[in-house]
């Protein structure tokens, strides 16, 4: 069973891989000072996840099951396994959110008539 953290990491890895790679390289290159020197890259991951269209859509479409999961965690701090059903509902919701596509545009063919205001 996936946890919410694992699901969030998968979405982040899928949609913000460049930012994650840069952060990982920075952390590996600076073992003594990565917390300070790589902070700006950590923030770029946060910006990516908060602005990515699919993540924003999931937050909107699945707000209710996510809030139920958070409430369950608050009530079961010592027994988070009691929240498996809430995690399942959230993940099920998130998987059904369609990716954003190109905006749809209504096109009229040249031989179609658009309804006018009527006889004058």
PDB file of N, CA and C in Angstrom:
ATOM      1  N   UNK A   1       0.844  -1.199   0.000  1.00  0.00           N
ATOM      2  CA  UNK A   1       0.000   0.000   0.000  1.00  0.00           C
ATOM      3  C   UNK A   1       0.880   1.250   0.000  1.00  0.00           C
ATOM      4  N   UNK A   2       0.651   2.118  -0.937  1.00  0.00           N
ATOM      5  CA  UNK A   2       1.407   3.369  -1.008  1.00  0.00           C
ATOM      6  C   UNK A   2       0.974   4.298   0.104  1.00  0.00           C
ATOM      7  N   UNK A   3       1.938   5.046   0.609  1.00  0.00           N
ATOM      8  CA  UNK A   3       1.583   6.096   1.552  1.00  0.00           C
ATOM      9  C   UNK A   3       1.385   7.364   0.755  1.00  0.00           C
ATOM     10  N   UNK A   4       0.808   8.363   1.386  1.00  0.00           N
ATOM     11  CA  UNK A   4       0.602   9.643   0.736  1.00  0.00           C
ATOM     12  C   UNK A   4       1.945  10.259   0.361  1.00  0.00           C
ATOM     13  N   UNK A   5       2.942  10.081   1.219  1.00  0.00           N
ATOM     14  CA  UNK A   5       4.287  10.615   0.944  1.00  0.00           C
ATOM     15  C   UNK A   5       4.861   9.974  -0.316  1.00  0.00           C
ATOM     16  N   UNK A   6       4.706   8.649  -0.454  1.00  0.00           N
ATOM     17  CA  UNK A   6       5.219   7.965  -1.643  1.00  0.00           C
ATOM     18  C   UNK A   6       4.507   8.467  -2.899  1.00  0.00           C
ATOM     19  N   UNK A   7       3.208   8.653  -2.795  1.00  0.00           N
ATOM     20  CA  UNK A   7       2.446   9.147  -3.950  1.00  0.00           C
ATOM     21  C   UNK A   7       2.905  10.545  -4.332  1.00  0.00           C
ATOM     22  N   UNK A   8       3.121  11.401  -3.334  1.00  0.00           N
ATOM     23  CA  UNK A   8       3.580  12.762  -3.605  1.00  0.00           C
ATOM     24  C   UNK A   8       4.959  12.749  -4.253  1.00  0.00           C
ATOM     25  N   UNK A   9       5.837  11.855  -3.785  1.00  0.00           N
ATOM     26  CA  UNK A   9       7.169  11.749  -4.377  1.00  0.00           C
ATOM     27  C   UNK A   9       7.101  11.275  -5.822  1.00  0.00           C
ATOM     28  N   UNK A  10       6.198  10.345  -6.109  1.00  0.00           N
ATOM     29  CA  UNK A  10       6.057   9.859  -7.480  1.00  0.00           C
ATOM     30  C   UNK A  10       5.589  10.975  -8.411  1.00  0.00           C
ATOM     31  N   UNK A  11       4.608  11.741  -7.968  1.00  0.00           N
ATOM     32  CA  UNK A  11       4.111  12.853  -8.786  1.00  0.00           C
ATOM     33  C   UNK A  11       5.209  13.881  -8.980  1.00  0.00           C
ATOM     34  N   UNK A  12       5.949  14.188  -7.908  1.00  0.00           N
ATOM     35  CA  UNK A  12       7.040  15.151  -7.996  1.00  0.00           C
ATOM     36  C   UNK A  12       8.117  14.651  -8.952  1.00  0.00           C
ATOM     37  N   UNK A  13       8.486  13.387  -8.839  1.00  0.00           N
ATOM     38  CA  UNK A  13       9.521  12.827  -9.710  1.00  0.00           C
ATOM     39  C   UNK A  13       9.080  12.847 -11.169  1.00  0.00           C
ATOM     40  N   UNK A  14       7.809  12.602 -11.394  1.00  0.00           N
ATOM     41  CA  UNK A  14       7.304  12.558 -12.766  1.00  0.00           C
ATOM     42  C   UNK A  14       7.291  13.944 -13.402  1.00  0.00           C
ATOM     43  N   UNK A  15       6.899  14.953 -12.632  1.00  0.00           N
ATOM     44  CA  UNK A  15       6.672  16.277 -13.215  1.00  0.00           C
ATOM     45  C   UNK A  15       7.750  17.309 -12.906  1.00  0.00           C
ATOM     46  N   UNK A  16       8.613  17.034 -11.947  1.00  0.00           N
ATOM     47  CA  UNK A  16       9.654  18.000 -11.558  1.00  0.00           C
ATOM     48  C   UNK A  16      11.014  17.306 -11.499  1.00  0.00           C
ATOM     49  N   UNK A  17      11.265  16.398 -12.428  1.00  0.00           N
ATOM     50  CA  UNK A  17      12.489  15.594 -12.378  1.00  0.00           C
ATOM     51  C   UNK A  17      13.753  16.443 -12.528  1.00  0.00           C
ATOM     52  N   UNK A  18      13.715  17.484 -13.345  1.00  0.00           N
ATOM     53  CA  UNK A  18      14.910  18.323 -13.529  1.00  0.00           C
ATOM     54  C   UNK A  18      15.306  18.967 -12.206  1.00  0.00           C
ATOM     55  N   UNK A  19      14.330  19.494 -11.484  1.00  0.00           N
ATOM     56  CA  UNK A  19      14.597  20.138 -10.202  1.00  0.00           C
ATOM     57  C   UNK A  19      15.112  19.129  -9.174  1.00  0.00           C
ATOM     58  N   UNK A  20      14.511  17.935  -9.160  1.00  0.00           N
ATOM     59  CA  UNK A  20      14.963  16.894  -8.231  1.00  0.00           C
ATOM     60  C   UNK A  20      16.388  16.458  -8.546  1.00  0.00           C
ATOM     61  N   UNK A  21      16.704  16.314  -9.830  1.00  0.00           N
ATOM     62  CA  UNK A  21      18.058  15.905 -10.222  1.00  0.00           C
ATOM     63  C   UNK A  21      19.084  16.946  -9.786  1.00  0.00           C
ATOM     64  N   UNK A  22      18.794  18.225 -10.023  1.00  0.00           N
ATOM     65  CA  UNK A  22      19.737  19.279  -9.649  1.00  0.00           C
ATOM     66  C   UNK A  22      19.962  19.296  -8.138  1.00  0.00           C
ATOM     67  N   UNK A  23      18.893  19.134  -7.384  1.00  0.00           N
ATOM     68  CA  UNK A  23      18.992  19.125  -5.927  1.00  0.00           C
ATOM     69  C   UNK A  23      19.829  17.926  -5.464  1.00  0.00           C
ATOM     70  N   UNK A  24      19.552  16.757  -6.022  1.00  0.00           N
ATOM     71  CA  UNK A  24      20.296  15.554  -5.655  1.00  0.00           C
ATOM     72  C   UNK A  24      21.785  15.683  -5.955  1.00  0.00           C
ATOM     73  N   UNK A  25      22.113  16.273  -7.098  1.00  0.00           N
ATOM     74  CA  UNK A  25      23.516  16.466  -7.456  1.00  0.00           C
ATOM     75  C   UNK A  25      24.192  17.437  -6.493  1.00  0.00           C
ATOM     76  N   UNK A  26      23.484  18.481  -6.121  1.00  0.00           N
ATOM     77  CA  UNK A  26      24.026  19.462  -5.192  1.00  0.00           C
ATOM     78  C   UNK A  26      24.291  18.813  -3.825  1.00  0.00           C
ATOM     79  N   UNK A  27      23.328  18.059  -3.332  1.00  0.00           N
ATOM     80  CA  UNK A  27      23.476  17.400  -2.030  1.00  0.00           C
ATOM     81  C   UNK A  27      24.671  16.439  -2.058  1.00  0.00           C
ATOM     82  N   UNK A  28      24.805  15.672  -3.143  1.00  0.00           N
ATOM     83  CA  UNK A  28      25.910  14.720  -3.245  1.00  0.00           C
ATOM     84  C   UNK A  28      27.259  15.428  -3.321  1.00  0.00           C
ATOM     85  N   UNK A  29      27.291  16.590  -3.981  1.00  0.00           N
ATOM     86  CA  UNK A  29      28.555  17.314  -4.165  1.00  0.00           C
ATOM     87  C   UNK A  29      28.978  18.089  -2.916  1.00  0.00           C
ATOM     88  N   UNK A  30      28.049  18.358  -2.010  1.00  0.00           N
ATOM     89  CA  UNK A  30      28.353  19.193  -0.837  1.00  0.00           C
ATOM     90  C   UNK A  30      27.892  18.517   0.452  1.00  0.00           C
ATOM     91  N   UNK A  31      28.502  17.400   0.816  1.00  0.00           N
ATOM     92  CA  UNK A  31      28.029  16.654   1.988  1.00  0.00           C
ATOM     93  C   UNK A  31      28.115  17.428   3.294  1.00  0.00           C
ATOM     94  N   UNK A  32      29.013  18.376   3.387  1.00  0.00           N
ATOM     95  CA  UNK A  32      29.177  19.137   4.634  1.00  0.00           C
ATOM     96  C   UNK A  32      28.221  20.319   4.739  1.00  0.00           C
ATOM     97  N   UNK A  33      27.853  20.884   3.593  1.00  0.00           N
ATOM     98  CA  UNK A  33      27.091  22.146   3.634  1.00  0.00           C
ATOM     99  C   UNK A  33      25.835  22.124   2.774  1.00  0.00           C
ATOM    100  N   UNK A  34      25.357  20.945   2.411  1.00  0.00           N
ATOM    101  CA  UNK A  34      24.229  20.868   1.486  1.00  0.00           C
ATOM    102  C   UNK A  34      22.984  21.585   1.993  1.00  0.00           C
ATOM    103  N   UNK A  35      22.753  21.566   3.314  1.00  0.00           N
ATOM    104  CA  UNK A  35      21.541  22.194   3.837  1.00  0.00           C
ATOM    105  C   UNK A  35      21.512  23.689   3.531  1.00  0.00           C
ATOM    106  N   UNK A  36      22.677  24.311   3.574  1.00  0.00           N
ATOM    107  CA  UNK A  36      22.761  25.738   3.284  1.00  0.00           C
ATOM    108  C   UNK A  36      22.930  25.987   1.776  1.00  0.00           C
ATOM    109  N   UNK A  37      23.862  25.267   1.168  1.00  0.00           N
ATOM    110  CA  UNK A  37      24.217  25.535  -0.226  1.00  0.00           C
ATOM    111  C   UNK A  37      23.185  25.065  -1.241  1.00  0.00           C
ATOM    112  N   UNK A  38      22.344  24.148  -0.862  1.00  0.00           N
ATOM    113  CA  UNK A  38      21.366  23.605  -1.818  1.00  0.00           C
ATOM    114  C   UNK A  38      19.941  24.067  -1.520  1.00  0.00           C
ATOM    115  N   UNK A  39      19.794  24.955  -0.575  1.00  0.00           N
ATOM    116  CA  UNK A  39      18.460  25.404  -0.173  1.00  0.00           C
ATOM    117  C   UNK A  39      17.684  25.992  -1.353  1.00  0.00           C
ATOM    118  N   UNK A  40      18.360  26.777  -2.202  1.00  0.00           N
ATOM    119  CA  UNK A  40      17.672  27.401  -3.340  1.00  0.00           C
ATOM    120  C   UNK A  40      17.126  26.340  -4.302  1.00  0.00           C
ATOM    121  N   UNK A  41      17.809  25.207  -4.412  1.00  0.00           N
ATOM    122  CA  UNK A  41      17.323  24.136  -5.281  1.00  0.00           C
ATOM    123  C   UNK A  41      16.134  23.411  -4.647  1.00  0.00           C
ATOM    124  N   UNK A  42      16.157  23.306  -3.331  1.00  0.00           N
ATOM    125  CA  UNK A  42      15.011  22.725  -2.627  1.00  0.00           C
ATOM    126  C   UNK A  42      13.778  23.594  -2.852  1.00  0.00           C
ATOM    127  N   UNK A  43      13.979  24.910  -2.840  1.00  0.00           N
ATOM    128  CA  UNK A  43      12.865  25.833  -3.077  1.00  0.00           C
ATOM    129  C   UNK A  43      12.354  25.732  -4.519  1.00  0.00           C
ATOM    130  N   UNK A  44      13.241  25.427  -5.464  1.00  0.00           N
ATOM    131  CA  UNK A  44      12.797  25.286  -6.856  1.00  0.00           C
ATOM    132  C   UNK A  44      11.905  24.050  -7.010  1.00  0.00           C
ATOM    133  N   UNK A  45      12.168  23.008  -6.224  1.00  0.00           N
ATOM    134  CA  UNK A  45      11.286  21.839  -6.225  1.00  0.00           C
ATOM    135  C   UNK A  45       9.912  22.241  -5.692  1.00  0.00           C
ATOM    136  N   UNK A  46       9.903  23.001  -4.608  1.00  0.00           N
ATOM    137  CA  UNK A  46       8.634  23.448  -4.023  1.00  0.00           C
ATOM    138  C   UNK A  46       7.851  24.314  -5.002  1.00  0.00           C
ATOM    139  N   UNK A  47       8.545  25.200  -5.714  1.00  0.00           N
ATOM    140  CA  UNK A  47       7.863  26.047  -6.711  1.00  0.00           C
ATOM    141  C   UNK A  47       7.275  25.196  -7.828  1.00  0.00           C
ATOM    142  N   UNK A  48       8.046  24.215  -8.287  1.00  0.00           N
ATOM    143  CA  UNK A  48       7.565  23.345  -9.361  1.00  0.00           C
ATOM    144  C   UNK A  48       6.312  22.589  -8.924  1.00  0.00           C
ATOM    145  N   UNK A  49       6.358  21.984  -7.743  1.00  0.00           N
ATOM    146  CA  UNK A  49       5.211  21.187  -7.307  1.00  0.00           C
ATOM    147  C   UNK A  49       3.988  22.047  -7.029  1.00  0.00           C
ATOM    148  N   UNK A  50       4.198  23.277  -6.594  1.00  0.00           N
ATOM    149  CA  UNK A  50       3.030  24.109  -6.294  1.00  0.00           C
ATOM    150  C   UNK A  50       2.445  24.750  -7.539  1.00  0.00           C
ATOM    151  N   UNK A  51       3.213  24.811  -8.621  1.00  0.00           N
ATOM    152  CA  UNK A  51       2.698  25.479  -9.817  1.00  0.00           C
ATOM    153  C   UNK A  51       2.387  24.515 -10.960  1.00  0.00           C
ATOM    154  N   UNK A  52       2.744  23.247 -10.844  1.00  0.00           N
ATOM    155  CA  UNK A  52       2.508  22.319 -11.942  1.00  0.00           C
ATOM    156  C   UNK A  52       1.003  22.092 -12.118  1.00  0.00           C
ATOM    157  N   UNK A  53       0.508  22.193 -13.351  1.00  0.00           N
ATOM    158  CA  UNK A  53      -0.947  22.096 -13.590  1.00  0.00           C
ATOM    159  C   UNK A  53      -1.602  20.822 -13.063  1.00  0.00           C
ATOM    160  N   UNK A  54      -0.980  19.651 -13.241  1.00  0.00           N
ATOM    161  CA  UNK A  54      -1.625  18.420 -12.778  1.00  0.00           C
ATOM    162  C   UNK A  54      -1.680  18.368 -11.257  1.00  0.00           C
ATOM    163  N   UNK A  55      -0.649  18.857 -10.604  1.00  0.00           N
ATOM    164  CA  UNK A  55      -0.644  18.856  -9.137  1.00  0.00           C
ATOM    165  C   UNK A  55      -1.702  19.822  -8.619  1.00  0.00           C
ATOM    166  N   UNK A  56      -1.847  20.957  -9.271  1.00  0.00           N
ATOM    167  CA  UNK A  56      -2.889  21.910  -8.873  1.00  0.00           C
ATOM    168  C   UNK A  56      -4.276  21.311  -9.077  1.00  0.00           C
ATOM    169  N   UNK A  57      -4.453  20.582 -10.181  1.00  0.00           N
ATOM    170  CA  UNK A  57      -5.756  19.951 -10.440  1.00  0.00           C
ATOM    171  C   UNK A  57      -6.067  18.890  -9.393  1.00  0.00           C
ATOM    172  N   UNK A  58      -5.054  18.104  -9.002  1.00  0.00           N
ATOM    173  CA  UNK A  58      -5.260  17.080  -7.974  1.00  0.00           C
ATOM    174  C   UNK A  58      -5.647  17.744  -6.655  1.00  0.00           C
ATOM    175  N   UNK A  59      -4.954  18.839  -6.315  1.00  0.00           N
ATOM    176  CA  UNK A  59      -5.288  19.536  -5.065  1.00  0.00           C
ATOM    177  C   UNK A  59      -6.725  20.024  -5.068  1.00  0.00           C
ATOM    178  N   UNK A  60      -7.206  20.506  -6.213  1.00  0.00           N
ATOM    179  CA  UNK A  60      -8.584  21.000  -6.286  1.00  0.00           C
ATOM    180  C   UNK A  60      -9.583  19.850  -6.285  1.00  0.00           C
ATOM    181  N   UNK A  61      -9.363  18.879  -7.174  1.00  0.00           N
ATOM    182  CA  UNK A  61     -10.336  17.804  -7.346  1.00  0.00           C
ATOM    183  C   UNK A  61     -10.404  16.869  -6.145  1.00  0.00           C
ATOM    184  N   UNK A  62      -9.301  16.724  -5.422  1.00  0.00           N
ATOM    185  CA  UNK A  62      -9.231  15.735  -4.349  1.00  0.00           C
ATOM    186  C   UNK A  62      -9.074  16.372  -2.971  1.00  0.00           C
ATOM    187  N   UNK A  63      -9.500  17.606  -2.841  1.00  0.00           N
ATOM    188  CA  UNK A  63      -9.350  18.299  -1.560  1.00  0.00           C
ATOM    189  C   UNK A  63     -10.095  17.571  -0.441  1.00  0.00           C
ATOM    190  N   UNK A  64     -11.290  17.082  -0.735  1.00  0.00           N
ATOM    191  CA  UNK A  64     -12.101  16.436   0.301  1.00  0.00           C
ATOM    192  C   UNK A  64     -11.449  15.153   0.840  1.00  0.00           C
ATOM    193  N   UNK A  65     -11.042  14.203  -0.033  1.00  0.00           N
ATOM    194  CA  UNK A  65     -10.388  13.006   0.516  1.00  0.00           C
ATOM    195  C   UNK A  65      -9.050  13.314   1.175  1.00  0.00           C
ATOM    196  N   UNK A  66      -8.348  14.333   0.698  1.00  0.00           N
ATOM    197  CA  UNK A  66      -7.082  14.693   1.323  1.00  0.00           C
ATOM    198  C   UNK A  66      -7.324  15.242   2.728  1.00  0.00           C
ATOM    199  N   UNK A  67      -8.330  16.096   2.881  1.00  0.00           N
ATOM    200  CA  UNK A  67      -8.653  16.643   4.205  1.00  0.00           C
ATOM    201  C   UNK A  67      -9.084  15.522   5.156  1.00  0.00           C
ATOM    202  N   UNK A  68      -9.817  14.545   4.646  1.00  0.00           N
ATOM    203  CA  UNK A  68     -10.226  13.409   5.479  1.00  0.00           C
ATOM    204  C   UNK A  68      -8.998  12.627   5.949  1.00  0.00           C
ATOM    205  N   UNK A  69      -8.022  12.473   5.060  1.00  0.00           N
ATOM    206  CA  UNK A  69      -6.788  11.783   5.426  1.00  0.00           C
ATOM    207  C   UNK A  69      -6.039  12.564   6.503  1.00  0.00           C
ATOM    208  N   UNK A  70      -5.894  13.883   6.314  1.00  0.00           N
ATOM    209  CA  UNK A  70      -5.199  14.697   7.316  1.00  0.00           C
ATOM    210  C   UNK A  70      -5.895  14.635   8.667  1.00  0.00           C
ATOM    211  N   UNK A  71      -7.219  14.682   8.664  1.00  0.00           N
ATOM    212  CA  UNK A  71      -7.980  14.602   9.908  1.00  0.00           C
ATOM    213  C   UNK A  71      -7.760  13.251  10.586  1.00  0.00           C
ATOM    214  N   UNK A  72      -7.735  12.198   9.789  1.00  0.00           N
ATOM    215  CA  UNK A  72      -7.481  10.868  10.342  1.00  0.00           C
ATOM    216  C   UNK A  72      -6.104  10.818  11.000  1.00  0.00           C
ATOM    217  N   UNK A  73      -5.107  11.389  10.351  1.00  0.00           N
ATOM    218  CA  UNK A  73      -3.760  11.408  10.936  1.00  0.00           C
ATOM    219  C   UNK A  73      -3.736  12.165  12.257  1.00  0.00           C
ATOM    220  N   UNK A  74      -4.459  13.281  12.315  1.00  0.00           N
ATOM    221  CA  UNK A  74      -4.503  14.056  13.566  1.00  0.00           C
ATOM    222  C   UNK A  74      -5.125  13.224  14.694  1.00  0.00           C
ATOM    223  N   UNK A  75      -6.155  12.469  14.357  1.00  0.00           N
ATOM    224  CA  UNK A  75      -6.846  11.683  15.377  1.00  0.00           C
ATOM    225  C   UNK A  75      -6.118  10.384  15.729  1.00  0.00           C
ATOM    226  N   UNK A  76      -5.198   9.951  14.867  1.00  0.00           N
ATOM    227  CA  UNK A  76      -4.518   8.669  15.065  1.00  0.00           C
ATOM    228  C   UNK A  76      -3.010   8.812  15.002  1.00  0.00           C
ATOM    229  N   UNK A  77      -2.471   9.816  15.678  1.00  0.00           N
ATOM    230  CA  UNK A  77      -1.029  10.069  15.619  1.00  0.00           C
ATOM    231  C   UNK A  77      -0.208   8.839  15.963  1.00  0.00           C
ATOM    232  N   UNK A  78      -0.654   8.075  16.915  1.00  0.00           N
ATOM    233  CA  UNK A  78       0.112   6.910  17.360  1.00  0.00           C
ATOM    234  C   UNK A  78      -0.215   5.657  16.547  1.00  0.00           C
ATOM    235  N   UNK A  79      -1.250   5.713  15.733  1.00  0.00           N
ATOM    236  CA  UNK A  79      -1.658   4.529  14.960  1.00  0.00           C
ATOM    237  C   UNK A  79      -2.074   4.943  13.554  1.00  0.00           C
ATOM    238  N   UNK A  80      -1.110   5.430  12.790  1.00  0.00           N
ATOM    239  CA  UNK A  80      -1.427   5.936  11.439  1.00  0.00           C
ATOM    240  C   UNK A  80      -1.925   4.837  10.512  1.00  0.00           C
ATOM    241  N   UNK A  81      -1.702   3.579  10.855  1.00  0.00           N
ATOM    242  CA  UNK A  81      -2.232   2.489  10.028  1.00  0.00           C
ATOM    243  C   UNK A  81      -3.756   2.500   9.989  1.00  0.00           C
ATOM    244  N   UNK A  82      -4.381   3.181  10.927  1.00  0.00           N
ATOM    245  CA  UNK A  82      -5.835   3.305  10.932  1.00  0.00           C
ATOM    246  C   UNK A  82      -6.337   4.165   9.772  1.00  0.00           C
ATOM    247  N   UNK A  83      -5.425   4.825   9.039  1.00  0.00           N
ATOM    248  CA  UNK A  83      -5.819   5.760   7.975  1.00  0.00           C
ATOM    249  C   UNK A  83      -5.613   5.187   6.576  1.00  0.00           C
ATOM    250  N   UNK A  84      -5.431   3.894   6.481  1.00  0.00           N
ATOM    251  CA  UNK A  84      -5.181   3.255   5.190  1.00  0.00           C
ATOM    252  C   UNK A  84      -6.324   3.531   4.210  1.00  0.00           C
ATOM    253  N   UNK A  85      -7.553   3.458   4.681  1.00  0.00           N
ATOM    254  CA  UNK A  85      -8.709   3.667   3.802  1.00  0.00           C
ATOM    255  C   UNK A  85      -8.744   5.099   3.267  1.00  0.00           C
ATOM    256  N   UNK A  86      -8.389   6.075   4.102  1.00  0.00           N
ATOM    257  CA  UNK A  86      -8.370   7.474   3.658  1.00  0.00           C
ATOM    258  C   UNK A  86      -7.279   7.694   2.602  1.00  0.00           C
ATOM    259  N   UNK A  87      -6.126   7.064   2.782  1.00  0.00           N
ATOM    260  CA  UNK A  87      -5.048   7.162   1.786  1.00  0.00           C
ATOM    261  C   UNK A  87      -5.527   6.559   0.472  1.00  0.00           C
ATOM    262  N   UNK A  88      -6.162   5.398   0.556  1.00  0.00           N
ATOM    263  CA  UNK A  88      -6.644   4.722  -0.654  1.00  0.00           C
ATOM    264  C   UNK A  88      -7.621   5.606  -1.415  1.00  0.00           C
ATOM    265  N   UNK A  89      -8.543   6.247  -0.703  1.00  0.00           N
ATOM    266  CA  UNK A  89      -9.529   7.118  -1.367  1.00  0.00           C
ATOM    267  C   UNK A  89      -8.855   8.303  -2.053  1.00  0.00           C
ATOM    268  N   UNK A  90      -7.868   8.900  -1.366  1.00  0.00           N
ATOM    269  CA  UNK A  90      -7.166  10.033  -1.971  1.00  0.00           C
ATOM    270  C   UNK A  90      -6.411   9.592  -3.220  1.00  0.00           C
ATOM    271  N   UNK A  91      -5.669   8.485  -3.140  1.00  0.00           N
ATOM    272  CA  UNK A  91      -4.899   8.021  -4.294  1.00  0.00           C
ATOM    273  C   UNK A  91      -5.809   7.646  -5.452  1.00  0.00           C
ATOM    274  N   UNK A  92      -6.941   7.041  -5.134  1.00  0.00           N
ATOM    275  CA  UNK A  92      -7.904   6.687  -6.173  1.00  0.00           C
ATOM    276  C   UNK A  92      -8.409   7.953  -6.867  1.00  0.00           C
ATOM    277  N   UNK A  93      -8.680   8.975  -6.102  1.00  0.00           N
ATOM    278  CA  UNK A  93      -9.122  10.251  -6.659  1.00  0.00           C
ATOM    279  C   UNK A  93      -8.018  10.854  -7.527  1.00  0.00           C
ATOM    280  N   UNK A  94      -6.797  10.901  -7.000  1.00  0.00           N
ATOM    281  CA  UNK A  94      -5.685  11.533  -7.715  1.00  0.00           C
ATOM    282  C   UNK A  94      -5.402  10.838  -9.039  1.00  0.00           C
ATOM    283  N   UNK A  95      -5.548   9.517  -9.071  1.00  0.00           N
ATOM    284  CA  UNK A  95      -5.282   8.775 -10.299  1.00  0.00           C
ATOM    285  C   UNK A  95      -6.339   9.040 -11.368  1.00  0.00           C
ATOM    286  N   UNK A  96      -7.517   9.507 -10.972  1.00  0.00           N
ATOM    287  CA  UNK A  96      -8.593   9.756 -11.927  1.00  0.00           C
ATOM    288  C   UNK A  96      -8.588  11.190 -12.466  1.00  0.00           C
ATOM    289  N   UNK A  97      -7.725  12.045 -11.928  1.00  0.00           N
ATOM    290  CA  UNK A  97      -7.668  13.428 -12.400  1.00  0.00           C
ATOM    291  C   UNK A  97      -6.960  13.430 -13.749  1.00  0.00           C
ATOM    292  N   UNK A  98      -7.659  13.886 -14.798  1.00  0.00           N
ATOM    293  CA  UNK A  98      -7.032  13.886 -16.115  1.00  0.00           C
ATOM    294  C   UNK A  98      -5.957  14.962 -16.215  1.00  0.00           C
ATOM    295  N   UNK A  99      -4.893  14.679 -16.966  1.00  0.00           N
ATOM    296  CA  UNK A  99      -3.870  15.715 -17.142  1.00  0.00           C
ATOM    297  C   UNK A  99      -4.448  16.885 -17.922  1.00  0.00           C
ATOM    298  N   UNK A 100      -3.937  18.073 -17.670  1.00  0.00           N
ATOM    299  CA  UNK A 100      -4.453  19.217 -18.406  1.00  0.00           C
ATOM    300  C   UNK A 100      -4.099  19.082 -19.879  1.00  0.00           C
ATOM    301  N   UNK A 101      -5.079  19.311 -20.716  1.00  0.00           N
ATOM    302  CA  UNK A 101      -4.850  19.244 -22.153  1.00  0.00           C
ATOM    303  C   UNK A 101      -4.873  20.635 -22.743  1.00  0.00           C
ATOM    304  N   UNK A 102      -4.721  20.715 -24.054  1.00  0.00           N
ATOM    305  CA  UNK A 102      -4.787  22.032 -24.680  1.00  0.00           C
ATOM    306  C   UNK A 102      -6.189  22.598 -24.531  1.00  0.00           C
ATOM    307  N   UNK A 103      -6.323  23.901 -24.440  1.00  0.00           N
ATOM    308  CA  UNK A 103      -7.655  24.485 -24.310  1.00  0.00           C
ATOM    309  C   UNK A 103      -8.498  24.154 -25.533  1.00  0.00           C
ATOM    310  N   UNK A 104      -9.763  23.896 -25.292  1.00  0.00           N
ATOM    311  CA  UNK A 104     -10.641  23.590 -26.420  1.00  0.00           C
ATOM    312  C   UNK A 104     -11.178  24.878 -26.998  1.00  0.00           C
ATOM    313  N   UNK A 105     -11.263  24.887 -28.306  1.00  0.00           N
ATOM    314  CA  UNK A 105     -11.754  26.061 -29.013  1.00  0.00           C
ATOM    315  C   UNK A 105     -12.881  25.611 -29.914  1.00  0.00           C
ATOM    316  N   UNK A 106     -13.993  26.318 -29.872  1.00  0.00           N
ATOM    317  CA  UNK A 106     -15.109  25.978 -30.733  1.00  0.00           C
ATOM    318  C   UNK A 106     -14.873  26.638 -32.085  1.00  0.00           C
ATOM    319  N   UNK A 107     -14.926  25.820 -33.121  1.00  0.00           N
ATOM    320  CA  UNK A 107     -14.676  26.319 -34.471  1.00  0.00           C
ATOM    321  C   UNK A 107     -15.960  26.176 -35.273  1.00  0.00           C
ATOM    322  N   UNK A 108     -16.366  27.242 -35.921  1.00  0.00           N
ATOM    323  CA  UNK A 108     -17.527  27.199 -36.796  1.00  0.00           C
ATOM    324  C   UNK A 108     -17.052  27.010 -38.226  1.00  0.00           C
ATOM    325  N   UNK A 109     -17.727  26.125 -38.940  1.00  0.00           N
ATOM    326  CA  UNK A 109     -17.386  25.942 -40.349  1.00  0.00           C
ATOM    327  C   UNK A 109     -17.965  27.119 -41.121  1.00  0.00           C
ATOM    328  N   UNK A 110     -17.369  27.398 -42.244  1.00  0.00           N
ATOM    329  CA  UNK A 110     -17.794  28.554 -43.038  1.00  0.00           C
ATOM    330  C   UNK A 110     -19.233  28.464 -43.498  1.00  0.00           C
ATOM    331  N   UNK A 111     -19.739  27.250 -43.684  1.00  0.00           N
ATOM    332  CA  UNK A 111     -21.116  27.117 -44.187  1.00  0.00           C
ATOM    333  C   UNK A 111     -22.141  27.085 -43.057  1.00  0.00           C
ATOM    334  N   UNK A 112     -21.687  27.128 -41.816  1.00  0.00           N
ATOM    335  CA  UNK A 112     -22.634  27.159 -40.694  1.00  0.00           C
ATOM    336  C   UNK A 112     -23.057  28.589 -40.430  1.00  0.00           C
ATOM    337  N   UNK A 113     -24.289  28.752 -40.058  1.00  0.00           N
ATOM    338  CA  UNK A 113     -24.764  30.081 -39.721  1.00  0.00           C
ATOM    339  C   UNK A 113     -24.810  30.218 -38.208  1.00  0.00           C
ATOM    340  N   UNK A 114     -24.337  31.342 -37.740  1.00  0.00           N
ATOM    341  CA  UNK A 114     -24.436  31.591 -36.311  1.00  0.00           C
ATOM    342  C   UNK A 114     -25.774  32.263 -36.062  1.00  0.00           C
ATOM    343  N   UNK A 115     -26.423  31.880 -34.977  1.00  0.00           N
ATOM    344  CA  UNK A 115     -27.718  32.490 -34.689  1.00  0.00           C
ATOM    345  C   UNK A 115     -27.555  33.999 -34.444  1.00  0.00           C
ATOM    346  N   UNK A 116     -28.371  34.739 -35.070  1.00  0.00           N
ATOM    347  CA  UNK A 116     -28.307  36.196 -34.922  1.00  0.00           C
ATOM    348  C   UNK A 116     -29.332  36.676 -33.935  1.00  0.00           C
ATOM    349  N   UNK A 117     -29.468  37.974 -33.814  1.00  0.00           N
ATOM    350  CA  UNK A 117     -30.404  38.515 -32.839  1.00  0.00           C
ATOM    351  C   UNK A 117     -31.847  38.355 -33.244  1.00  0.00           C
ATOM    352  N   UNK A 118     -32.109  37.920 -34.460  1.00  0.00           N
ATOM    353  CA  UNK A 118     -33.493  37.731 -34.900  1.00  0.00           C
ATOM    354  C   UNK A 118     -33.878  38.838 -35.863  1.00  0.00           C
ATOM    355  N   UNK A 119     -35.115  38.789 -36.385  1.00  0.00           N
ATOM    356  CA  UNK A 119     -35.556  39.813 -37.366  1.00  0.00           C
ATOM    357  C   UNK A 119     -35.645  41.194 -36.712  1.00  0.00           C
ATOM    358  N   UNK A 120     -35.303  42.165 -37.510  1.00  0.00           N
ATOM    359  CA  UNK A 120     -35.395  43.553 -37.000  1.00  0.00           C
ATOM    360  C   UNK A 120     -36.415  44.340 -37.722  1.00  0.00           C
TER     361      UNK A 120
END
